[in-house]
Amino acid sequence: MRAARADDVEAEVTRRLLALTPWRVLTVDAGTLAAQEPCVHARRRLAELLGLPTRP
């Protein structure tokens, strides 16, 4: 349980740090996805953000 708490704290610190940067950031919680899903998710989100057509 302690490791899960540490992961939550690390994720929150990362989110806060990235929120302060001038970069636009696309977060993907890869820990909850199968191997190929993070790539597909990231591509879909980037296409949406850039106004590009997405694959079905």
PDB file of N, CA and C in Angstrom:
ATOM      1  N   MET A   1       0.831  -1.201   0.000  1.00  0.00           N
ATOM      2  CA  MET A   1       0.000   0.000   0.000  1.00  0.00           C
ATOM      3  C   MET A   1       0.872   1.259   0.000  1.00  0.00           C
ATOM      4  N   ARG A   2       2.001   1.181   0.669  1.00  0.00           N
ATOM      5  CA  ARG A   2       2.889   2.338   0.734  1.00  0.00           C
ATOM      6  C   ARG A   2       3.421   2.707  -0.652  1.00  0.00           C
ATOM      7  N   ALA A   3       3.717   1.678  -1.494  1.00  0.00           N
ATOM      8  CA  ALA A   3       4.206   1.937  -2.846  1.00  0.00           C
ATOM      9  C   ALA A   3       3.145   2.638  -3.682  1.00  0.00           C
ATOM     10  N   ALA A   4       1.894   2.231  -3.539  1.00  0.00           N
ATOM     11  CA  ALA A   4       0.800   2.878  -4.281  1.00  0.00           C
ATOM     12  C   ALA A   4       0.698   4.337  -3.879  1.00  0.00           C
ATOM     13  N   ARG A   5       0.839   4.634  -2.624  1.00  0.00           N
ATOM     14  CA  ARG A   5       0.784   6.019  -2.135  1.00  0.00           C
ATOM     15  C   ARG A   5       1.933   6.834  -2.715  1.00  0.00           C
ATOM     16  N   ALA A   6       3.124   6.233  -2.752  1.00  0.00           N
ATOM     17  CA  ALA A   6       4.287   6.922  -3.318  1.00  0.00           C
ATOM     18  C   ALA A   6       4.066   7.204  -4.804  1.00  0.00           C
ATOM     19  N   ASP A   7       3.465   6.253  -5.517  1.00  0.00           N
ATOM     20  CA  ASP A   7       3.170   6.467  -6.939  1.00  0.00           C
ATOM     21  C   ASP A   7       2.183   7.603  -7.119  1.00  0.00           C
ATOM     22  N   ASP A   8       1.174   7.683  -6.252  1.00  0.00           N
ATOM     23  CA  ASP A   8       0.195   8.768  -6.329  1.00  0.00           C
ATOM     24  C   ASP A   8       0.861  10.120  -6.083  1.00  0.00           C
ATOM     25  N   VAL A   9       1.734  10.174  -5.108  1.00  0.00           N
ATOM     26  CA  VAL A   9       2.441  11.420  -4.792  1.00  0.00           C
ATOM     27  C   VAL A   9       3.347  11.817  -5.954  1.00  0.00           C
ATOM     28  N   GLU A  10       4.069  10.841  -6.509  1.00  0.00           N
ATOM     29  CA  GLU A  10       4.949  11.130  -7.642  1.00  0.00           C
ATOM     30  C   GLU A  10       4.144  11.634  -8.843  1.00  0.00           C
ATOM     31  N   ALA A  11       3.006  11.014  -9.114  1.00  0.00           N
ATOM     32  CA  ALA A  11       2.162  11.438 -10.232  1.00  0.00           C
ATOM     33  C   ALA A  11       1.648  12.858 -10.005  1.00  0.00           C
ATOM     34  N   GLU A  12       1.254  13.180  -8.796  1.00  0.00           N
ATOM     35  CA  GLU A  12       0.749  14.520  -8.500  1.00  0.00           C
ATOM     36  C   GLU A  12       1.852  15.567  -8.619  1.00  0.00           C
ATOM     37  N   VAL A  13       3.032  15.254  -8.124  1.00  0.00           N
ATOM     38  CA  VAL A  13       4.161  16.188  -8.235  1.00  0.00           C
ATOM     39  C   VAL A  13       4.500  16.412  -9.713  1.00  0.00           C
ATOM     40  N   THR A  14       4.494  15.346 -10.499  1.00  0.00           N
ATOM     41  CA  THR A  14       4.772  15.463 -11.926  1.00  0.00           C
ATOM     42  C   THR A  14       3.740  16.339 -12.607  1.00  0.00           C
ATOM     43  N   ARG A  15       2.460  16.114 -12.315  1.00  0.00           N
ATOM     44  CA  ARG A  15       1.387  16.933 -12.911  1.00  0.00           C
ATOM     45  C   ARG A  15       1.565  18.411 -12.552  1.00  0.00           C
ATOM     46  N   ARG A  16       1.875  18.679 -11.309  1.00  0.00           N
ATOM     47  CA  ARG A  16       2.058  20.076 -10.878  1.00  0.00           C
ATOM     48  C   ARG A  16       3.268  20.722 -11.543  1.00  0.00           C
ATOM     49  N   LEU A  17       4.356  19.973 -11.642  1.00  0.00           N
ATOM     50  CA  LEU A  17       5.556  20.496 -12.283  1.00  0.00           C
ATOM     51  C   LEU A  17       5.291  20.794 -13.755  1.00  0.00           C
ATOM     52  N   LEU A  18       4.652  19.875 -14.447  1.00  0.00           N
ATOM     53  CA  LEU A  18       4.369  20.079 -15.860  1.00  0.00           C
ATOM     54  C   LEU A  18       3.372  21.218 -16.077  1.00  0.00           C
ATOM     55  N   ALA A  19       2.481  21.432 -15.131  1.00  0.00           N
ATOM     56  CA  ALA A  19       1.522  22.528 -15.242  1.00  0.00           C
ATOM     57  C   ALA A  19       2.217  23.885 -15.205  1.00  0.00           C
ATOM     58  N   LEU A  20       3.396  23.929 -14.615  1.00  0.00           N
ATOM     59  CA  LEU A  20       4.145  25.183 -14.509  1.00  0.00           C
ATOM     60  C   LEU A  20       5.049  25.443 -15.706  1.00  0.00           C
ATOM     61  N   THR A  21       5.185  24.469 -16.588  1.00  0.00           N
ATOM     62  CA  THR A  21       6.075  24.634 -17.735  1.00  0.00           C
ATOM     63  C   THR A  21       5.347  25.345 -18.871  1.00  0.00           C
ATOM     64  N   PRO A  22       6.097  25.945 -19.780  1.00  0.00           N
ATOM     65  CA  PRO A  22       5.470  26.607 -20.920  1.00  0.00           C
ATOM     66  C   PRO A  22       5.038  25.615 -22.008  1.00  0.00           C
ATOM     67  N   TRP A  23       5.349  24.333 -21.838  1.00  0.00           N
ATOM     68  CA  TRP A  23       5.035  23.348 -22.869  1.00  0.00           C
ATOM     69  C   TRP A  23       3.608  22.841 -22.728  1.00  0.00           C
ATOM     70  N   ARG A  24       3.031  22.491 -23.857  1.00  0.00           N
ATOM     71  CA  ARG A  24       1.759  21.778 -23.828  1.00  0.00           C
ATOM     72  C   ARG A  24       2.096  20.308 -23.628  1.00  0.00           C
ATOM     73  N   VAL A  25       1.409  19.678 -22.705  1.00  0.00           N
ATOM     74  CA  VAL A  25       1.751  18.311 -22.329  1.00  0.00           C
ATOM     75  C   VAL A  25       0.550  17.405 -22.532  1.00  0.00           C
ATOM     76  N   LEU A  26       0.797  16.246 -23.106  1.00  0.00           N
ATOM     77  CA  LEU A  26      -0.229  15.224 -23.267  1.00  0.00           C
ATOM     78  C   LEU A  26       0.118  14.099 -22.307  1.00  0.00           C
ATOM     79  N   THR A  27      -0.686  13.925 -21.273  1.00  0.00           N
ATOM     80  CA  THR A  27      -0.410  12.865 -20.313  1.00  0.00           C
ATOM     81  C   THR A  27      -1.131  11.594 -20.719  1.00  0.00           C
ATOM     82  N   VAL A  28      -0.470  10.487 -20.515  1.00  0.00           N
ATOM     83  CA  VAL A  28      -1.041   9.174 -20.787  1.00  0.00           C
ATOM     84  C   VAL A  28      -0.718   8.290 -19.600  1.00  0.00           C
ATOM     85  N   ASP A  29      -1.740   7.801 -18.933  1.00  0.00           N
ATOM     86  CA  ASP A  29      -1.538   6.901 -17.807  1.00  0.00           C
ATOM     87  C   ASP A  29      -1.311   5.503 -18.368  1.00  0.00           C
ATOM     88  N   ALA A  30      -0.080   5.222 -18.743  1.00  0.00           N
ATOM     89  CA  ALA A  30       0.248   3.961 -19.407  1.00  0.00           C
ATOM     90  C   ALA A  30       0.118   2.761 -18.474  1.00  0.00           C
ATOM     91  N   GLY A  31       0.131   2.995 -17.180  1.00  0.00           N
ATOM     92  CA  GLY A  31       0.026   1.894 -16.236  1.00  0.00           C
ATOM     93  C   GLY A  31      -1.309   1.182 -16.267  1.00  0.00           C
ATOM     94  N   THR A  32      -2.329   1.825 -16.794  1.00  0.00           N
ATOM     95  CA  THR A  32      -3.654   1.207 -16.829  1.00  0.00           C
ATOM     96  C   THR A  32      -4.005   0.671 -18.208  1.00  0.00           C
ATOM     97  N   LEU A  33      -3.060   0.750 -19.158  1.00  0.00           N
ATOM     98  CA  LEU A  33      -3.342   0.356 -20.532  1.00  0.00           C
ATOM     99  C   LEU A  33      -2.477  -0.831 -20.954  1.00  0.00           C
ATOM    100  N   ALA A  34      -2.964  -1.601 -21.919  1.00  0.00           N
ATOM    101  CA  ALA A  34      -2.174  -2.681 -22.500  1.00  0.00           C
ATOM    102  C   ALA A  34      -1.037  -2.077 -23.330  1.00  0.00           C
ATOM    103  N   ALA A  35      -0.115  -2.903 -23.781  1.00  0.00           N
ATOM    104  CA  ALA A  35       1.114  -2.427 -24.424  1.00  0.00           C
ATOM    105  C   ALA A  35       0.882  -1.475 -25.588  1.00  0.00           C
ATOM    106  N   GLN A  36      -0.016  -1.745 -26.489  1.00  0.00           N
ATOM    107  CA  GLN A  36      -0.218  -0.928 -27.677  1.00  0.00           C
ATOM    108  C   GLN A  36      -1.123   0.278 -27.417  1.00  0.00           C
ATOM    109  N   GLU A  37      -1.944   0.210 -26.388  1.00  0.00           N
ATOM    110  CA  GLU A  37      -2.942   1.247 -26.145  1.00  0.00           C
ATOM    111  C   GLU A  37      -2.379   2.639 -25.871  1.00  0.00           C
ATOM    112  N   PRO A  38      -1.275   2.810 -25.130  1.00  0.00           N
ATOM    113  CA  PRO A  38      -0.753   4.168 -24.922  1.00  0.00           C
ATOM    114  C   PRO A  38      -0.387   4.866 -26.229  1.00  0.00           C
ATOM    115  N   CYS A  39       0.195   4.140 -27.159  1.00  0.00           N
ATOM    116  CA  CYS A  39       0.575   4.718 -28.449  1.00  0.00           C
ATOM    117  C   CYS A  39      -0.676   5.158 -29.213  1.00  0.00           C
ATOM    118  N   VAL A  40      -1.661   4.286 -29.279  1.00  0.00           N
ATOM    119  CA  VAL A  40      -2.900   4.603 -29.992  1.00  0.00           C
ATOM    120  C   VAL A  40      -3.595   5.794 -29.332  1.00  0.00           C
ATOM    121  N   HIS A  41      -3.651   5.792 -28.019  1.00  0.00           N
ATOM    122  CA  HIS A  41      -4.289   6.881 -27.279  1.00  0.00           C
ATOM    123  C   HIS A  41      -3.572   8.212 -27.541  1.00  0.00           C
ATOM    124  N   ALA A  42      -2.239   8.197 -27.448  1.00  0.00           N
ATOM    125  CA  ALA A  42      -1.464   9.420 -27.655  1.00  0.00           C
ATOM    126  C   ALA A  42      -1.643   9.954 -29.075  1.00  0.00           C
ATOM    127  N   ARG A  43      -1.587   9.065 -30.062  1.00  0.00           N
ATOM    128  CA  ARG A  43      -1.789   9.499 -31.447  1.00  0.00           C
ATOM    129  C   ARG A  43      -3.170  10.115 -31.646  1.00  0.00           C
ATOM    130  N   ARG A  44      -4.183   9.489 -31.075  1.00  0.00           N
ATOM    131  CA  ARG A  44      -5.552  10.001 -31.216  1.00  0.00           C
ATOM    132  C   ARG A  44      -5.688  11.379 -30.569  1.00  0.00           C
ATOM    133  N   ARG A  45      -5.142  11.529 -29.359  1.00  0.00           N
ATOM    134  CA  ARG A  45      -5.233  12.817 -28.656  1.00  0.00           C
ATOM    135  C   ARG A  45      -4.469  13.908 -29.400  1.00  0.00           C
ATOM    136  N   LEU A  46      -3.277  13.588 -29.902  1.00  0.00           N
ATOM    137  CA  LEU A  46      -2.504  14.575 -30.643  1.00  0.00           C
ATOM    138  C   LEU A  46      -3.222  14.990 -31.925  1.00  0.00           C
ATOM    139  N   ALA A  47      -3.797  14.026 -32.625  1.00  0.00           N
ATOM    140  CA  ALA A  47      -4.539  14.341 -33.845  1.00  0.00           C
ATOM    141  C   ALA A  47      -5.713  15.259 -33.530  1.00  0.00           C
ATOM    142  N   GLU A  48      -6.420  14.977 -32.440  1.00  0.00           N
ATOM    143  CA  GLU A  48      -7.549  15.830 -32.036  1.00  0.00           C
ATOM    144  C   GLU A  48      -7.067  17.245 -31.719  1.00  0.00           C
ATOM    145  N   LEU A  49      -5.982  17.349 -30.944  1.00  0.00           N
ATOM    146  CA  LEU A  49      -5.463  18.654 -30.555  1.00  0.00           C
ATOM    147  C   LEU A  49      -4.965  19.461 -31.749  1.00  0.00           C
ATOM    148  N   LEU A  50      -4.450  18.774 -32.753  1.00  0.00           N
ATOM    149  CA  LEU A  50      -3.926  19.445 -33.941  1.00  0.00           C
ATOM    150  C   LEU A  50      -4.972  19.614 -35.044  1.00  0.00           C
ATOM    151  N   GLY A  51      -6.169  19.091 -34.823  1.00  0.00           N
ATOM    152  CA  GLY A  51      -7.237  19.213 -35.798  1.00  0.00           C
ATOM    153  C   GLY A  51      -7.045  18.313 -37.014  1.00  0.00           C
ATOM    154  N   LEU A  52      -6.338  17.203 -36.813  1.00  0.00           N
ATOM    155  CA  LEU A  52      -6.093  16.262 -37.904  1.00  0.00           C
ATOM    156  C   LEU A  52      -7.140  15.138 -37.872  1.00  0.00           C
ATOM    157  N   PRO A  53      -7.386  14.499 -39.003  1.00  0.00           N
ATOM    158  CA  PRO A  53      -8.335  13.390 -38.998  1.00  0.00           C
ATOM    159  C   PRO A  53      -7.756  12.213 -38.191  1.00  0.00           C
ATOM    160  N   THR A  54      -8.626  11.498 -37.533  1.00  0.00           N
ATOM    161  CA  THR A  54      -8.203  10.350 -36.738  1.00  0.00           C
ATOM    162  C   THR A  54      -8.627   9.057 -37.424  1.00  0.00           C
ATOM    163  N   ARG A  55      -7.881   8.030 -37.145  1.00  0.00           N
ATOM    164  CA  ARG A  55      -8.213   6.708 -37.663  1.00  0.00           C
ATOM    165  C   ARG A  55      -9.324   6.109 -36.813  1.00  0.00           C
ATOM    166  N   PRO A  56     -10.186   5.319 -37.424  1.00  0.00           N
ATOM    167  CA  PRO A  56     -11.245   4.684 -36.626  1.00  0.00           C
ATOM    168  C   PRO A  56     -10.701   3.631 -35.692  1.00  0.00           C
TER     169      PRO A  56
END
